[in-house]
Amino acid sequence: MMSEFNNRVAAQRDILRVVNRQKWREELFGLASGAIDRWRNANQLDEGAELLILVRRAADKLFFLANKSQEQITEEYRMLSGEISNLIEQIRLAAMDHGARA
């Protein structure tokens, strides 16, 4: 289903755009675990940092959606899509908070 794929890609772009609005030593280049770990290390973020936790949670949900077969894309998909939208807003707030402290 192309629209679900487009929605996942758009959500990933939104997350990267929101996070990278702040000044970082190194931007977040993707939502794969290796990219997130690299970003965390480069910017010396604490493992318990709210922004890091939210980014990882959103990445996990997007990965889960990406691996659903078309038969499984139902109410659960819509529910997870809503959760991802909420996470993007939480990431936006956490990024702004981080930027205000930096």
C-alpha atoms as a PDB file:
ATOM      1  CA  MET A   1       0.000   0.000   0.000  1.00  0.00           C
ATOM      2  CA  MET A   2       1.794   3.048  -1.287  1.00  0.00           C
ATOM      3  CA  SER A   3       0.049   5.608   0.927  1.00  0.00           C
ATOM      4  CA  GLU A   4       1.189   3.786   4.085  1.00  0.00           C
ATOM      5  CA  PHE A   5       4.744   3.744   2.715  1.00  0.00           C
ATOM      6  CA  ASN A   6       4.519   7.458   1.936  1.00  0.00           C
ATOM      7  CA  ASN A   7       3.185   8.123   5.423  1.00  0.00           C
ATOM      8  CA  ARG A   8       6.101   6.241   6.998  1.00  0.00           C
ATOM      9  CA  VAL A   9       8.630   8.129   4.880  1.00  0.00           C
ATOM     10  CA  ALA A  10       6.936  11.441   5.681  1.00  0.00           C
ATOM     11  CA  ALA A  11       6.980  10.613   9.402  1.00  0.00           C
ATOM     12  CA  GLN A  12      10.699   9.788   9.238  1.00  0.00           C
ATOM     13  CA  ARG A  13      11.412  13.052   7.443  1.00  0.00           C
ATOM     14  CA  ASP A  14       9.347  14.972  10.006  1.00  0.00           C
ATOM     15  CA  ILE A  15      11.302  13.452  12.872  1.00  0.00           C
ATOM     16  CA  LEU A  16      14.666  14.213  11.255  1.00  0.00           C
ATOM     17  CA  ARG A  17      13.583  17.770  10.418  1.00  0.00           C
ATOM     18  CA  VAL A  18      12.325  18.417  13.962  1.00  0.00           C
ATOM     19  CA  VAL A  19      15.459  17.012  15.622  1.00  0.00           C
ATOM     20  CA  ASN A  20      17.860  18.739  13.246  1.00  0.00           C
ATOM     21  CA  ARG A  21      16.321  22.189  13.729  1.00  0.00           C
ATOM     22  CA  GLN A  22      18.480  22.369  16.827  1.00  0.00           C
ATOM     23  CA  LYS A  23      22.205  22.956  16.633  1.00  0.00           C
ATOM     24  CA  TRP A  24      24.089  19.695  17.030  1.00  0.00           C
ATOM     25  CA  ARG A  25      27.725  18.727  16.588  1.00  0.00           C
ATOM     26  CA  GLU A  26      26.351  16.134  14.194  1.00  0.00           C
ATOM     27  CA  GLU A  27      22.843  15.926  12.802  1.00  0.00           C
ATOM     28  CA  LEU A  28      20.654  12.854  13.012  1.00  0.00           C
ATOM     29  CA  PHE A  29      20.973  11.247   9.566  1.00  0.00           C
ATOM     30  CA  GLY A  30      18.463   8.416   9.893  1.00  0.00           C
ATOM     31  CA  LEU A  31      16.332   6.358  12.227  1.00  0.00           C
ATOM     32  CA  ALA A  32      18.272   3.095  12.045  1.00  0.00           C
ATOM     33  CA  SER A  33      19.691   2.117  15.426  1.00  0.00           C
ATOM     34  CA  GLY A  34      23.255   2.696  14.198  1.00  0.00           C
ATOM     35  CA  ALA A  35      22.424   6.219  13.013  1.00  0.00           C
ATOM     36  CA  ILE A  36      20.724   7.034  16.314  1.00  0.00           C
ATOM     37  CA  ASP A  37      23.691   5.643  18.298  1.00  0.00           C
ATOM     38  CA  ARG A  38      26.126   7.670  16.192  1.00  0.00           C
ATOM     39  CA  TRP A  39      24.059  10.852  16.757  1.00  0.00           C
ATOM     40  CA  ARG A  40      23.870  10.154  20.503  1.00  0.00           C
ATOM     41  CA  ASN A  41      27.622   9.586  20.752  1.00  0.00           C
ATOM     42  CA  ALA A  42      28.566  12.570  18.582  1.00  0.00           C
ATOM     43  CA  ASN A  43      26.378  14.875  20.655  1.00  0.00           C
ATOM     44  CA  GLN A  44      27.182  13.278  24.010  1.00  0.00           C
ATOM     45  CA  LEU A  45      23.528  12.687  24.858  1.00  0.00           C
ATOM     46  CA  ASP A  46      22.821  10.792  28.037  1.00  0.00           C
ATOM     47  CA  GLU A  47      21.125   7.395  27.501  1.00  0.00           C
ATOM     48  CA  GLY A  48      18.249   8.667  29.630  1.00  0.00           C
ATOM     49  CA  ALA A  49      17.728  11.884  27.653  1.00  0.00           C
ATOM     50  CA  GLU A  50      14.023  12.333  26.889  1.00  0.00           C
ATOM     51  CA  LEU A  51      14.708  13.302  23.276  1.00  0.00           C
ATOM     52  CA  LEU A  52      16.811  10.190  22.678  1.00  0.00           C
ATOM     53  CA  ILE A  53      14.185   7.922  24.249  1.00  0.00           C
ATOM     54  CA  LEU A  54      11.421   9.472  22.126  1.00  0.00           C
ATOM     55  CA  VAL A  55      13.436   9.203  18.898  1.00  0.00           C
ATOM     56  CA  ARG A  56      14.175   5.539  19.607  1.00  0.00           C
ATOM     57  CA  ARG A  57      10.527   4.830  20.431  1.00  0.00           C
ATOM     58  CA  ALA A  58       9.363   6.472  17.195  1.00  0.00           C
ATOM     59  CA  ALA A  59      12.018   4.598  15.188  1.00  0.00           C
ATOM     60  CA  ASP A  60      10.892   1.289  16.717  1.00  0.00           C
ATOM     61  CA  LYS A  61       7.249   1.950  15.840  1.00  0.00           C
ATOM     62  CA  LEU A  62       8.128   2.972  12.279  1.00  0.00           C
ATOM     63  CA  PHE A  63      10.264  -0.151  11.881  1.00  0.00           C
ATOM     64  CA  PHE A  64       7.391  -2.265  13.181  1.00  0.00           C
ATOM     65  CA  LEU A  65       4.998  -0.686  10.661  1.00  0.00           C
ATOM     66  CA  ALA A  66       7.477  -1.159   7.824  1.00  0.00           C
ATOM     67  CA  ASN A  67       7.535  -4.881   8.487  1.00  0.00           C
ATOM     68  CA  LYS A  68       3.787  -5.423   8.512  1.00  0.00           C
ATOM     69  CA  SER A  69       2.352  -7.261   5.547  1.00  0.00           C
ATOM     70  CA  GLN A  70      -0.581  -5.718   3.690  1.00  0.00           C
ATOM     71  CA  GLU A  71      -2.973  -8.171   5.321  1.00  0.00           C
ATOM     72  CA  GLN A  72      -1.920  -6.895   8.716  1.00  0.00           C
ATOM     73  CA  ILE A  73      -2.431  -3.200   7.930  1.00  0.00           C
ATOM     74  CA  THR A  74      -5.668  -2.613   9.741  1.00  0.00           C
ATOM     75  CA  GLU A  75      -6.858  -0.832  12.846  1.00  0.00           C
ATOM     76  CA  GLU A  76      -3.510  -1.631  14.492  1.00  0.00           C
ATOM     77  CA  TYR A  77      -1.728   0.288  11.728  1.00  0.00           C
ATOM     78  CA  ARG A  78      -4.001   3.302  12.198  1.00  0.00           C
ATOM     79  CA  MET A  79      -3.481   3.169  15.947  1.00  0.00           C
ATOM     80  CA  LEU A  80       0.320   3.026  15.581  1.00  0.00           C
ATOM     81  CA  SER A  81       0.206   5.853  13.034  1.00  0.00           C
ATOM     82  CA  GLY A  82      -1.595   7.972  15.629  1.00  0.00           C
ATOM     83  CA  GLU A  83       0.998   7.048  18.243  1.00  0.00           C
ATOM     84  CA  ILE A  84       3.778   8.089  15.866  1.00  0.00           C
ATOM     85  CA  SER A  85       2.073  11.448  15.275  1.00  0.00           C
ATOM     86  CA  ASN A  86       1.936  11.961  19.040  1.00  0.00           C
ATOM     87  CA  LEU A  87       5.589  10.972  19.357  1.00  0.00           C
ATOM     88  CA  ILE A  88       6.575  13.496  16.677  1.00  0.00           C
ATOM     89  CA  GLU A  89       4.906  16.234  18.723  1.00  0.00           C
ATOM     90  CA  GLN A  90       6.663  15.031  21.893  1.00  0.00           C
ATOM     91  CA  ILE A  91       9.969  14.989  19.991  1.00  0.00           C
ATOM     92  CA  ARG A  92       9.291  18.544  18.806  1.00  0.00           C
ATOM     93  CA  LEU A  93       8.769  19.697  22.416  1.00  0.00           C
ATOM     94  CA  ALA A  94      11.787  17.761  23.744  1.00  0.00           C
ATOM     95  CA  ALA A  95      14.014  19.129  20.949  1.00  0.00           C
ATOM     96  CA  MET A  96      12.894  22.685  21.711  1.00  0.00           C
ATOM     97  CA  ASP A  97      13.576  22.086  25.403  1.00  0.00           C
ATOM     98  CA  HIS A  98      17.021  20.685  24.589  1.00  0.00           C
ATOM     99  CA  GLY A  99      17.772  23.668  22.341  1.00  0.00           C
ATOM    100  CA  ALA A 100      16.751  26.094  25.086  1.00  0.00           C
ATOM    101  CA  ARG A 101      19.214  24.436  27.475  1.00  0.00           C
ATOM    102  CA  ALA A 102      22.086  24.174  24.990  1.00  0.00           C
END
